[in-house]
């Protein structure tokens, strides 16, 4: 880890995220909602999320909640999405000129910084729970969607 990245991790009191990178939850709504599947969650949650030059946000999925990524600072961030099946993954670059992207519930996603680091916020609604989080690498390879970039596993 570079000195600059270590300083950001310390400044923002971030911890390692299971998908890769660094994060800290900064907001969890006190309002609860019941999803269509019957699970109760906070209405919305927000984290700071940091990826360094050597970090990747590995292919993962948040079931039951849409995720909004908002660029804060650093280098542009490549956000990849794959809806499953035979379609190819798409890439959206988040930066000062294109700061927001939405990933619908159940869509596979991965990300990497295009430089020394990228700092974003991620809001999930209904709120995030690790019960709804799945890493693609935990599935049998035969279940992976076609066209997944193996470098982001």
N, C-alpha and C. Protein backbone atom coordinates (compact mmCIF):
# COMPACT_ATOMS: atom_id res chain seq x y z
N UNK A 1 0.85 -1.18 0.00
CA UNK A 1 0.00 0.00 0.00
C UNK A 1 0.89 1.24 0.00
N UNK A 2 0.57 2.18 -0.87
CA UNK A 2 1.34 3.41 -0.94
C UNK A 2 1.12 4.25 0.32
N UNK A 3 2.04 5.16 0.57
CA UNK A 3 1.93 6.05 1.73
C UNK A 3 0.67 6.91 1.62
N UNK A 4 0.41 7.43 0.41
CA UNK A 4 -0.78 8.27 0.21
C UNK A 4 -2.06 7.49 0.48
N UNK A 5 -2.12 6.25 0.02
CA UNK A 5 -3.31 5.42 0.26
C UNK A 5 -3.46 5.13 1.75
N UNK A 6 -2.36 4.81 2.40
CA UNK A 6 -2.39 4.53 3.85
C UNK A 6 -2.90 5.75 4.62
N UNK A 7 -2.51 6.94 4.18
CA UNK A 7 -2.98 8.16 4.84
C UNK A 7 -4.49 8.33 4.67
N UNK A 8 -5.01 8.02 3.49
CA UNK A 8 -6.45 8.12 3.27
C UNK A 8 -7.20 7.08 4.10
N UNK A 9 -6.68 5.87 4.17
CA UNK A 9 -7.31 4.82 4.98
C UNK A 9 -7.37 5.27 6.44
N UNK A 10 -6.28 5.85 6.93
CA UNK A 10 -6.25 6.32 8.32
C UNK A 10 -7.17 7.52 8.52
N UNK A 11 -7.10 8.50 7.61
CA UNK A 11 -7.91 9.72 7.75
C UNK A 11 -9.40 9.39 7.80
N UNK A 12 -9.85 8.48 6.95
CA UNK A 12 -11.27 8.16 6.87
C UNK A 12 -11.64 6.97 7.74
N UNK A 13 -10.67 6.43 8.50
CA UNK A 13 -10.90 5.29 9.41
C UNK A 13 -11.57 4.13 8.67
N UNK A 14 -10.96 3.76 7.55
CA UNK A 14 -11.51 2.71 6.70
C UNK A 14 -10.98 1.34 7.12
N UNK A 15 -11.74 0.32 6.79
CA UNK A 15 -11.33 -1.05 7.07
C UNK A 15 -11.43 -1.86 5.77
N UNK A 16 -10.73 -3.00 5.70
CA UNK A 16 -10.80 -3.80 4.47
C UNK A 16 -12.22 -4.30 4.20
N UNK A 17 -12.60 -4.28 2.93
CA UNK A 17 -13.91 -4.80 2.53
C UNK A 17 -13.72 -6.20 1.93
N UNK A 18 -14.64 -7.14 2.18
CA UNK A 18 -14.49 -8.49 1.62
C UNK A 18 -14.37 -8.53 0.10
N UNK A 19 -14.93 -7.55 -0.61
CA UNK A 19 -14.85 -7.54 -2.08
C UNK A 19 -13.53 -6.97 -2.57
N UNK A 20 -12.74 -6.38 -1.65
CA UNK A 20 -11.51 -5.67 -1.99
C UNK A 20 -11.69 -4.20 -1.69
N UNK A 21 -10.60 -3.48 -1.57
CA UNK A 21 -10.68 -2.07 -1.25
C UNK A 21 -10.93 -1.83 0.23
N UNK A 22 -11.33 -0.61 0.53
CA UNK A 22 -11.47 -0.14 1.91
C UNK A 22 -12.80 0.59 2.05
N UNK A 23 -13.43 0.48 3.24
CA UNK A 23 -14.73 1.12 3.40
C UNK A 23 -15.00 1.48 4.86
N UNK A 24 -16.00 2.34 5.03
CA UNK A 24 -16.56 2.64 6.35
C UNK A 24 -18.00 3.06 6.15
N UNK A 25 -18.89 2.44 6.91
CA UNK A 25 -20.29 2.87 6.86
C UNK A 25 -20.38 4.23 7.55
N UNK A 26 -21.00 5.19 6.87
CA UNK A 26 -21.12 6.54 7.43
C UNK A 26 -22.56 6.91 7.74
N UNK A 27 -23.52 6.10 7.26
CA UNK A 27 -24.92 6.41 7.52
C UNK A 27 -25.75 5.14 7.38
N UNK A 28 -26.67 4.97 8.31
CA UNK A 28 -27.67 3.89 8.25
C UNK A 28 -28.97 4.50 8.74
N UNK A 29 -29.96 4.54 7.88
CA UNK A 29 -31.24 5.16 8.20
C UNK A 29 -31.89 4.48 9.41
N UNK A 30 -32.51 5.29 10.24
CA UNK A 30 -33.28 4.74 11.37
C UNK A 30 -34.67 4.29 10.92
N UNK A 31 -35.02 4.62 9.69
CA UNK A 31 -36.31 4.20 9.13
C UNK A 31 -36.15 2.80 8.55
N UNK A 32 -37.06 1.91 8.90
CA UNK A 32 -37.03 0.55 8.37
C UNK A 32 -38.09 0.38 7.30
N UNK A 33 -37.77 -0.46 6.32
CA UNK A 33 -38.72 -0.80 5.27
C UNK A 33 -38.75 -2.31 5.12
N UNK A 34 -39.86 -2.81 4.61
CA UNK A 34 -39.98 -4.24 4.32
C UNK A 34 -39.92 -4.39 2.80
N UNK A 35 -38.94 -5.17 2.34
CA UNK A 35 -38.78 -5.41 0.90
C UNK A 35 -39.87 -6.35 0.40
N UNK A 36 -40.07 -6.42 -0.90
CA UNK A 36 -41.07 -7.34 -1.46
C UNK A 36 -40.85 -8.80 -1.06
N UNK A 37 -39.58 -9.18 -0.76
CA UNK A 37 -39.31 -10.56 -0.35
C UNK A 37 -39.58 -10.79 1.14
N UNK A 38 -40.07 -9.73 1.84
CA UNK A 38 -40.42 -9.85 3.24
C UNK A 38 -39.32 -9.51 4.22
N UNK A 39 -38.08 -9.31 3.74
CA UNK A 39 -36.98 -8.97 4.63
C UNK A 39 -37.05 -7.49 5.03
N UNK A 40 -36.79 -7.22 6.28
CA UNK A 40 -36.79 -5.84 6.78
C UNK A 40 -35.36 -5.30 6.73
N UNK A 41 -35.21 -4.08 6.23
CA UNK A 41 -33.91 -3.42 6.13
C UNK A 41 -34.07 -1.94 6.48
N UNK A 42 -32.94 -1.29 6.80
CA UNK A 42 -32.93 0.17 6.89
C UNK A 42 -33.32 0.71 5.52
N UNK A 43 -33.93 1.89 5.51
CA UNK A 43 -34.37 2.45 4.23
C UNK A 43 -33.18 2.69 3.29
N UNK A 44 -32.06 3.16 3.84
CA UNK A 44 -30.88 3.43 3.02
C UNK A 44 -29.63 3.38 3.89
N UNK A 45 -28.53 2.99 3.28
CA UNK A 45 -27.22 3.01 3.95
C UNK A 45 -26.22 3.67 3.02
N UNK A 46 -25.16 4.24 3.61
CA UNK A 46 -24.12 4.90 2.82
C UNK A 46 -22.75 4.52 3.38
N UNK A 47 -21.82 4.20 2.47
CA UNK A 47 -20.43 3.95 2.86
C UNK A 47 -19.51 4.84 2.04
N UNK A 48 -18.33 5.12 2.62
CA UNK A 48 -17.21 5.62 1.84
C UNK A 48 -16.47 4.38 1.35
N UNK A 49 -16.01 4.39 0.11
CA UNK A 49 -15.33 3.23 -0.46
C UNK A 49 -14.11 3.72 -1.23
N UNK A 50 -12.96 3.13 -0.93
CA UNK A 50 -11.68 3.56 -1.51
C UNK A 50 -11.01 2.39 -2.21
N UNK A 51 -10.60 2.61 -3.44
CA UNK A 51 -9.80 1.63 -4.17
C UNK A 51 -8.46 2.26 -4.52
N UNK A 52 -7.37 1.57 -4.17
CA UNK A 52 -6.04 2.00 -4.56
C UNK A 52 -5.68 1.43 -5.92
N UNK A 53 -4.50 1.79 -6.41
CA UNK A 53 -4.06 1.35 -7.74
C UNK A 53 -4.00 -0.16 -7.87
N UNK A 54 -3.70 -0.85 -6.79
CA UNK A 54 -3.56 -2.31 -6.84
C UNK A 54 -4.79 -3.04 -6.32
N UNK A 55 -5.82 -2.30 -5.93
CA UNK A 55 -7.06 -2.90 -5.41
C UNK A 55 -8.06 -3.12 -6.54
N UNK A 56 -8.91 -4.11 -6.35
CA UNK A 56 -10.09 -4.25 -7.21
C UNK A 56 -11.29 -4.54 -6.32
N UNK A 57 -12.41 -4.03 -6.74
CA UNK A 57 -13.69 -4.43 -6.15
C UNK A 57 -14.12 -5.64 -6.96
N UNK A 58 -13.99 -6.83 -6.36
CA UNK A 58 -14.24 -8.07 -7.09
C UNK A 58 -15.72 -8.20 -7.47
N UNK A 59 -15.96 -8.98 -8.53
CA UNK A 59 -17.34 -9.20 -8.97
C UNK A 59 -18.19 -9.63 -7.79
N UNK A 60 -19.25 -8.87 -7.57
CA UNK A 60 -20.15 -9.15 -6.46
C UNK A 60 -21.55 -8.66 -6.82
N UNK A 61 -22.49 -9.04 -6.00
CA UNK A 61 -23.89 -8.70 -6.25
C UNK A 61 -24.54 -8.33 -4.92
N UNK A 62 -25.39 -7.32 -4.93
CA UNK A 62 -26.21 -6.99 -3.77
C UNK A 62 -27.65 -7.36 -4.15
N UNK A 63 -28.15 -8.40 -3.50
CA UNK A 63 -29.51 -8.86 -3.77
C UNK A 63 -30.50 -8.02 -2.96
N UNK A 64 -31.53 -7.53 -3.58
CA UNK A 64 -32.59 -6.84 -2.86
C UNK A 64 -32.40 -5.36 -2.65
N UNK A 65 -31.34 -4.76 -3.22
CA UNK A 65 -31.15 -3.33 -3.06
C UNK A 65 -30.39 -2.72 -4.23
N UNK A 66 -30.84 -1.56 -4.70
CA UNK A 66 -30.12 -0.82 -5.73
C UNK A 66 -28.95 -0.10 -5.07
N UNK A 67 -27.85 0.05 -5.81
CA UNK A 67 -26.66 0.71 -5.28
C UNK A 67 -26.29 1.90 -6.16
N UNK A 68 -26.14 3.06 -5.55
CA UNK A 68 -25.76 4.27 -6.27
C UNK A 68 -24.33 4.62 -5.88
N UNK A 69 -23.45 4.65 -6.88
CA UNK A 69 -22.04 5.00 -6.71
C UNK A 69 -21.87 6.47 -7.07
N UNK A 70 -21.19 7.24 -6.20
CA UNK A 70 -20.94 8.66 -6.46
C UNK A 70 -19.46 8.95 -6.30
N UNK A 71 -18.84 9.46 -7.35
CA UNK A 71 -17.42 9.80 -7.36
C UNK A 71 -17.17 10.98 -6.43
N UNK A 72 -16.11 10.87 -5.60
CA UNK A 72 -15.75 11.96 -4.69
C UNK A 72 -14.43 12.59 -5.09
N UNK A 73 -13.36 11.76 -5.19
CA UNK A 73 -12.05 12.33 -5.52
C UNK A 73 -11.10 11.25 -6.03
N UNK A 74 -9.95 11.73 -6.53
CA UNK A 74 -8.92 10.83 -7.03
C UNK A 74 -9.04 10.62 -8.53
N UNK A 75 -8.53 9.48 -8.96
CA UNK A 75 -8.55 9.12 -10.38
C UNK A 75 -9.93 8.61 -10.77
N UNK A 76 -10.27 8.67 -12.04
CA UNK A 76 -11.52 8.06 -12.49
C UNK A 76 -11.59 6.59 -12.07
N UNK A 77 -12.81 6.12 -11.89
CA UNK A 77 -13.06 4.74 -11.46
C UNK A 77 -13.84 4.02 -12.55
N UNK A 78 -13.37 2.83 -12.93
CA UNK A 78 -14.10 1.98 -13.89
C UNK A 78 -15.05 1.09 -13.12
N UNK A 79 -16.34 1.22 -13.40
CA UNK A 79 -17.38 0.40 -12.78
C UNK A 79 -17.96 -0.51 -13.85
N UNK A 80 -17.86 -1.81 -13.62
CA UNK A 80 -18.34 -2.81 -14.57
C UNK A 80 -19.63 -3.41 -14.04
N UNK A 81 -20.56 -3.67 -14.95
CA UNK A 81 -21.83 -4.31 -14.59
C UNK A 81 -22.11 -5.46 -15.54
N UNK A 82 -22.72 -6.51 -15.01
CA UNK A 82 -23.12 -7.66 -15.82
C UNK A 82 -24.46 -8.15 -15.28
N UNK A 83 -25.47 -8.15 -16.14
CA UNK A 83 -26.82 -8.53 -15.71
C UNK A 83 -27.04 -10.03 -15.71
N UNK A 84 -26.01 -10.81 -16.08
CA UNK A 84 -26.14 -12.26 -16.12
C UNK A 84 -26.46 -12.75 -17.51
N UNK A 85 -26.46 -14.05 -17.67
CA UNK A 85 -26.78 -14.64 -18.97
C UNK A 85 -25.67 -14.46 -19.99
N UNK A 86 -26.06 -14.32 -21.24
CA UNK A 86 -25.11 -14.29 -22.35
C UNK A 86 -24.67 -12.89 -22.76
N UNK A 87 -25.17 -11.86 -22.10
CA UNK A 87 -24.79 -10.49 -22.47
C UNK A 87 -23.37 -10.19 -22.01
N UNK A 88 -22.74 -9.21 -22.63
CA UNK A 88 -21.40 -8.79 -22.22
C UNK A 88 -21.51 -7.80 -21.06
N UNK A 89 -20.44 -7.70 -20.28
CA UNK A 89 -20.43 -6.70 -19.21
C UNK A 89 -20.26 -5.31 -19.83
N UNK A 90 -20.73 -4.31 -19.10
CA UNK A 90 -20.59 -2.92 -19.54
C UNK A 90 -19.66 -2.19 -18.58
N UNK A 91 -19.01 -1.15 -19.06
CA UNK A 91 -18.13 -0.33 -18.24
C UNK A 91 -18.62 1.10 -18.24
N UNK A 92 -18.68 1.70 -17.05
CA UNK A 92 -18.99 3.12 -16.92
C UNK A 92 -17.85 3.74 -16.13
N UNK A 93 -17.33 4.85 -16.60
CA UNK A 93 -16.24 5.53 -15.91
C UNK A 93 -16.82 6.66 -15.07
N UNK A 94 -16.57 6.60 -13.76
CA UNK A 94 -17.00 7.66 -12.85
C UNK A 94 -15.85 8.65 -12.68
N UNK A 95 -16.17 9.93 -12.76
CA UNK A 95 -15.16 10.99 -12.67
C UNK A 95 -15.87 12.29 -12.32
N UNK A 96 -15.10 13.38 -12.28
CA UNK A 96 -15.70 14.69 -12.03
C UNK A 96 -16.79 15.02 -13.04
N UNK A 97 -16.61 14.61 -14.29
CA UNK A 97 -17.58 14.95 -15.33
C UNK A 97 -18.71 13.95 -15.47
N UNK A 98 -18.60 12.80 -14.81
CA UNK A 98 -19.65 11.77 -14.84
C UNK A 98 -19.65 11.09 -13.47
N UNK A 99 -20.19 11.76 -12.44
CA UNK A 99 -19.96 11.32 -11.07
C UNK A 99 -20.88 10.24 -10.52
N UNK A 100 -21.97 9.88 -11.19
CA UNK A 100 -22.97 9.00 -10.57
C UNK A 100 -23.30 7.82 -11.48
N UNK A 101 -23.41 6.63 -10.86
CA UNK A 101 -23.87 5.43 -11.57
C UNK A 101 -24.78 4.65 -10.65
N UNK A 102 -25.77 3.99 -11.24
CA UNK A 102 -26.69 3.16 -10.46
C UNK A 102 -26.56 1.71 -10.92
N UNK A 103 -26.47 0.81 -9.95
CA UNK A 103 -26.45 -0.63 -10.22
C UNK A 103 -27.72 -1.20 -9.61
N UNK A 104 -28.55 -1.78 -10.45
CA UNK A 104 -29.82 -2.34 -9.98
C UNK A 104 -29.59 -3.58 -9.13
N UNK A 105 -30.52 -3.83 -8.23
CA UNK A 105 -30.45 -5.02 -7.37
C UNK A 105 -30.28 -6.26 -8.23
N UNK A 106 -29.41 -7.16 -7.78
CA UNK A 106 -29.21 -8.43 -8.47
C UNK A 106 -28.27 -8.40 -9.65
N UNK A 107 -27.71 -7.23 -9.98
CA UNK A 107 -26.76 -7.12 -11.09
C UNK A 107 -25.35 -7.28 -10.54
N UNK A 108 -24.53 -8.08 -11.24
CA UNK A 108 -23.13 -8.25 -10.84
C UNK A 108 -22.36 -6.98 -11.13
N UNK A 109 -21.43 -6.63 -10.24
CA UNK A 109 -20.63 -5.42 -10.42
C UNK A 109 -19.20 -5.66 -9.95
N UNK A 110 -18.28 -4.88 -10.50
CA UNK A 110 -16.87 -4.90 -10.11
C UNK A 110 -16.32 -3.52 -10.45
N UNK A 111 -15.18 -3.16 -9.85
CA UNK A 111 -14.62 -1.84 -10.12
C UNK A 111 -13.12 -1.84 -9.90
N UNK A 112 -12.46 -0.85 -10.52
CA UNK A 112 -11.04 -0.62 -10.29
C UNK A 112 -10.74 0.85 -10.55
N UNK A 113 -9.70 1.34 -9.87
CA UNK A 113 -9.27 2.72 -10.07
C UNK A 113 -8.43 2.80 -11.33
N UNK A 114 -8.49 3.93 -12.02
CA UNK A 114 -7.66 4.16 -13.20
C UNK A 114 -6.37 4.90 -12.84
N UNK A 115 -6.10 5.05 -11.54
CA UNK A 115 -4.90 5.77 -11.12
C UNK A 115 -4.47 5.34 -9.73
N UNK A 116 -3.89 6.27 -8.98
CA UNK A 116 -3.36 5.97 -7.65
C UNK A 116 -4.46 5.56 -6.67
N UNK A 117 -5.61 6.22 -6.77
CA UNK A 117 -6.75 5.85 -5.91
C UNK A 117 -8.02 6.48 -6.46
N UNK A 118 -9.14 5.93 -6.05
CA UNK A 118 -10.46 6.50 -6.33
C UNK A 118 -11.29 6.40 -5.06
N UNK A 119 -11.87 7.52 -4.64
CA UNK A 119 -12.75 7.55 -3.48
C UNK A 119 -14.17 7.82 -3.96
N UNK A 120 -15.10 6.95 -3.57
CA UNK A 120 -16.50 7.08 -3.94
C UNK A 120 -17.36 6.88 -2.70
N UNK A 121 -18.62 7.24 -2.81
CA UNK A 121 -19.59 6.82 -1.80
C UNK A 121 -20.54 5.85 -2.49
N UNK A 122 -21.06 4.92 -1.72
CA UNK A 122 -22.02 3.95 -2.24
C UNK A 122 -23.23 3.96 -1.32
N UNK A 123 -24.39 4.24 -1.89
CA UNK A 123 -25.65 4.24 -1.15
C UNK A 123 -26.47 3.06 -1.63
N UNK A 124 -27.02 2.30 -0.70
CA UNK A 124 -27.84 1.14 -1.05
C UNK A 124 -29.22 1.33 -0.45
N UNK A 125 -30.24 1.12 -1.26
CA UNK A 125 -31.61 1.22 -0.78
C UNK A 125 -32.47 0.13 -1.41
N UNK A 126 -33.26 -0.58 -0.63
CA UNK A 126 -33.20 -0.62 0.82
C UNK A 126 -31.79 -0.94 1.31
N UNK A 127 -31.51 -0.56 2.54
CA UNK A 127 -30.17 -0.58 3.10
C UNK A 127 -29.41 -1.89 2.97
N UNK A 128 -28.09 -1.74 2.96
CA UNK A 128 -27.18 -2.86 2.79
C UNK A 128 -27.15 -3.76 4.02
N UNK A 129 -27.08 -5.05 3.76
CA UNK A 129 -26.82 -6.06 4.78
C UNK A 129 -25.92 -7.11 4.14
N UNK A 130 -24.91 -7.58 4.87
CA UNK A 130 -24.05 -8.62 4.32
C UNK A 130 -24.83 -9.89 4.00
N UNK A 131 -26.03 -10.04 4.55
CA UNK A 131 -26.88 -11.19 4.20
C UNK A 131 -27.27 -11.14 2.72
N UNK A 132 -27.27 -9.96 2.12
CA UNK A 132 -27.68 -9.77 0.73
C UNK A 132 -26.49 -9.70 -0.23
N UNK A 133 -25.28 -9.84 0.29
CA UNK A 133 -24.04 -9.66 -0.47
C UNK A 133 -23.50 -11.01 -0.92
N UNK A 134 -23.11 -11.10 -2.19
CA UNK A 134 -22.56 -12.35 -2.71
C UNK A 134 -21.36 -12.05 -3.61
N UNK A 135 -20.24 -12.73 -3.33
CA UNK A 135 -19.08 -12.66 -4.20
C UNK A 135 -19.20 -13.72 -5.28
N UNK A 136 -18.92 -13.35 -6.51
CA UNK A 136 -19.04 -14.30 -7.62
C UNK A 136 -18.11 -15.49 -7.43
N UNK A 137 -16.92 -15.25 -6.87
CA UNK A 137 -15.94 -16.34 -6.71
C UNK A 137 -16.45 -17.44 -5.79
N UNK A 138 -17.51 -17.16 -5.00
CA UNK A 138 -18.08 -18.18 -4.12
C UNK A 138 -19.01 -19.14 -4.85
N UNK A 139 -19.32 -18.84 -6.10
CA UNK A 139 -20.15 -19.73 -6.92
C UNK A 139 -19.25 -20.64 -7.75
N UNK A 140 -19.79 -21.76 -8.14
CA UNK A 140 -19.07 -22.64 -9.06
C UNK A 140 -18.84 -21.89 -10.37
N UNK A 141 -17.69 -22.09 -10.97
CA UNK A 141 -17.37 -21.38 -12.22
C UNK A 141 -18.42 -21.61 -13.30
N UNK A 142 -19.04 -22.77 -13.29
CA UNK A 142 -20.08 -23.07 -14.29
C UNK A 142 -21.30 -22.16 -14.14
N UNK A 143 -21.44 -21.51 -12.98
CA UNK A 143 -22.57 -20.60 -12.73
C UNK A 143 -22.24 -19.14 -13.05
N UNK A 144 -20.99 -18.86 -13.40
CA UNK A 144 -20.61 -17.48 -13.69
C UNK A 144 -21.25 -17.02 -14.99
N UNK A 145 -21.68 -15.76 -15.05
CA UNK A 145 -22.18 -15.23 -16.32
C UNK A 145 -21.08 -15.25 -17.38
N UNK A 146 -21.46 -15.38 -18.63
CA UNK A 146 -20.49 -15.36 -19.73
C UNK A 146 -19.91 -13.95 -19.88
N UNK A 147 -18.63 -13.89 -20.26
CA UNK A 147 -18.01 -12.60 -20.53
C UNK A 147 -17.48 -11.88 -19.30
N UNK A 148 -17.42 -12.57 -18.16
CA UNK A 148 -16.89 -11.94 -16.95
C UNK A 148 -15.37 -11.79 -17.08
N UNK A 149 -14.85 -10.63 -16.72
CA UNK A 149 -13.42 -10.37 -16.75
C UNK A 149 -12.77 -11.06 -15.55
N UNK A 150 -11.98 -12.11 -15.81
CA UNK A 150 -11.36 -12.90 -14.74
C UNK A 150 -10.40 -12.08 -13.87
N UNK A 151 -9.88 -10.97 -14.39
CA UNK A 151 -8.95 -10.16 -13.59
C UNK A 151 -9.66 -9.53 -12.38
N UNK A 152 -10.98 -9.49 -12.41
CA UNK A 152 -11.74 -8.85 -11.34
C UNK A 152 -12.42 -9.86 -10.42
N UNK A 153 -11.97 -11.11 -10.47
CA UNK A 153 -12.52 -12.14 -9.59
C UNK A 153 -11.79 -12.03 -8.28
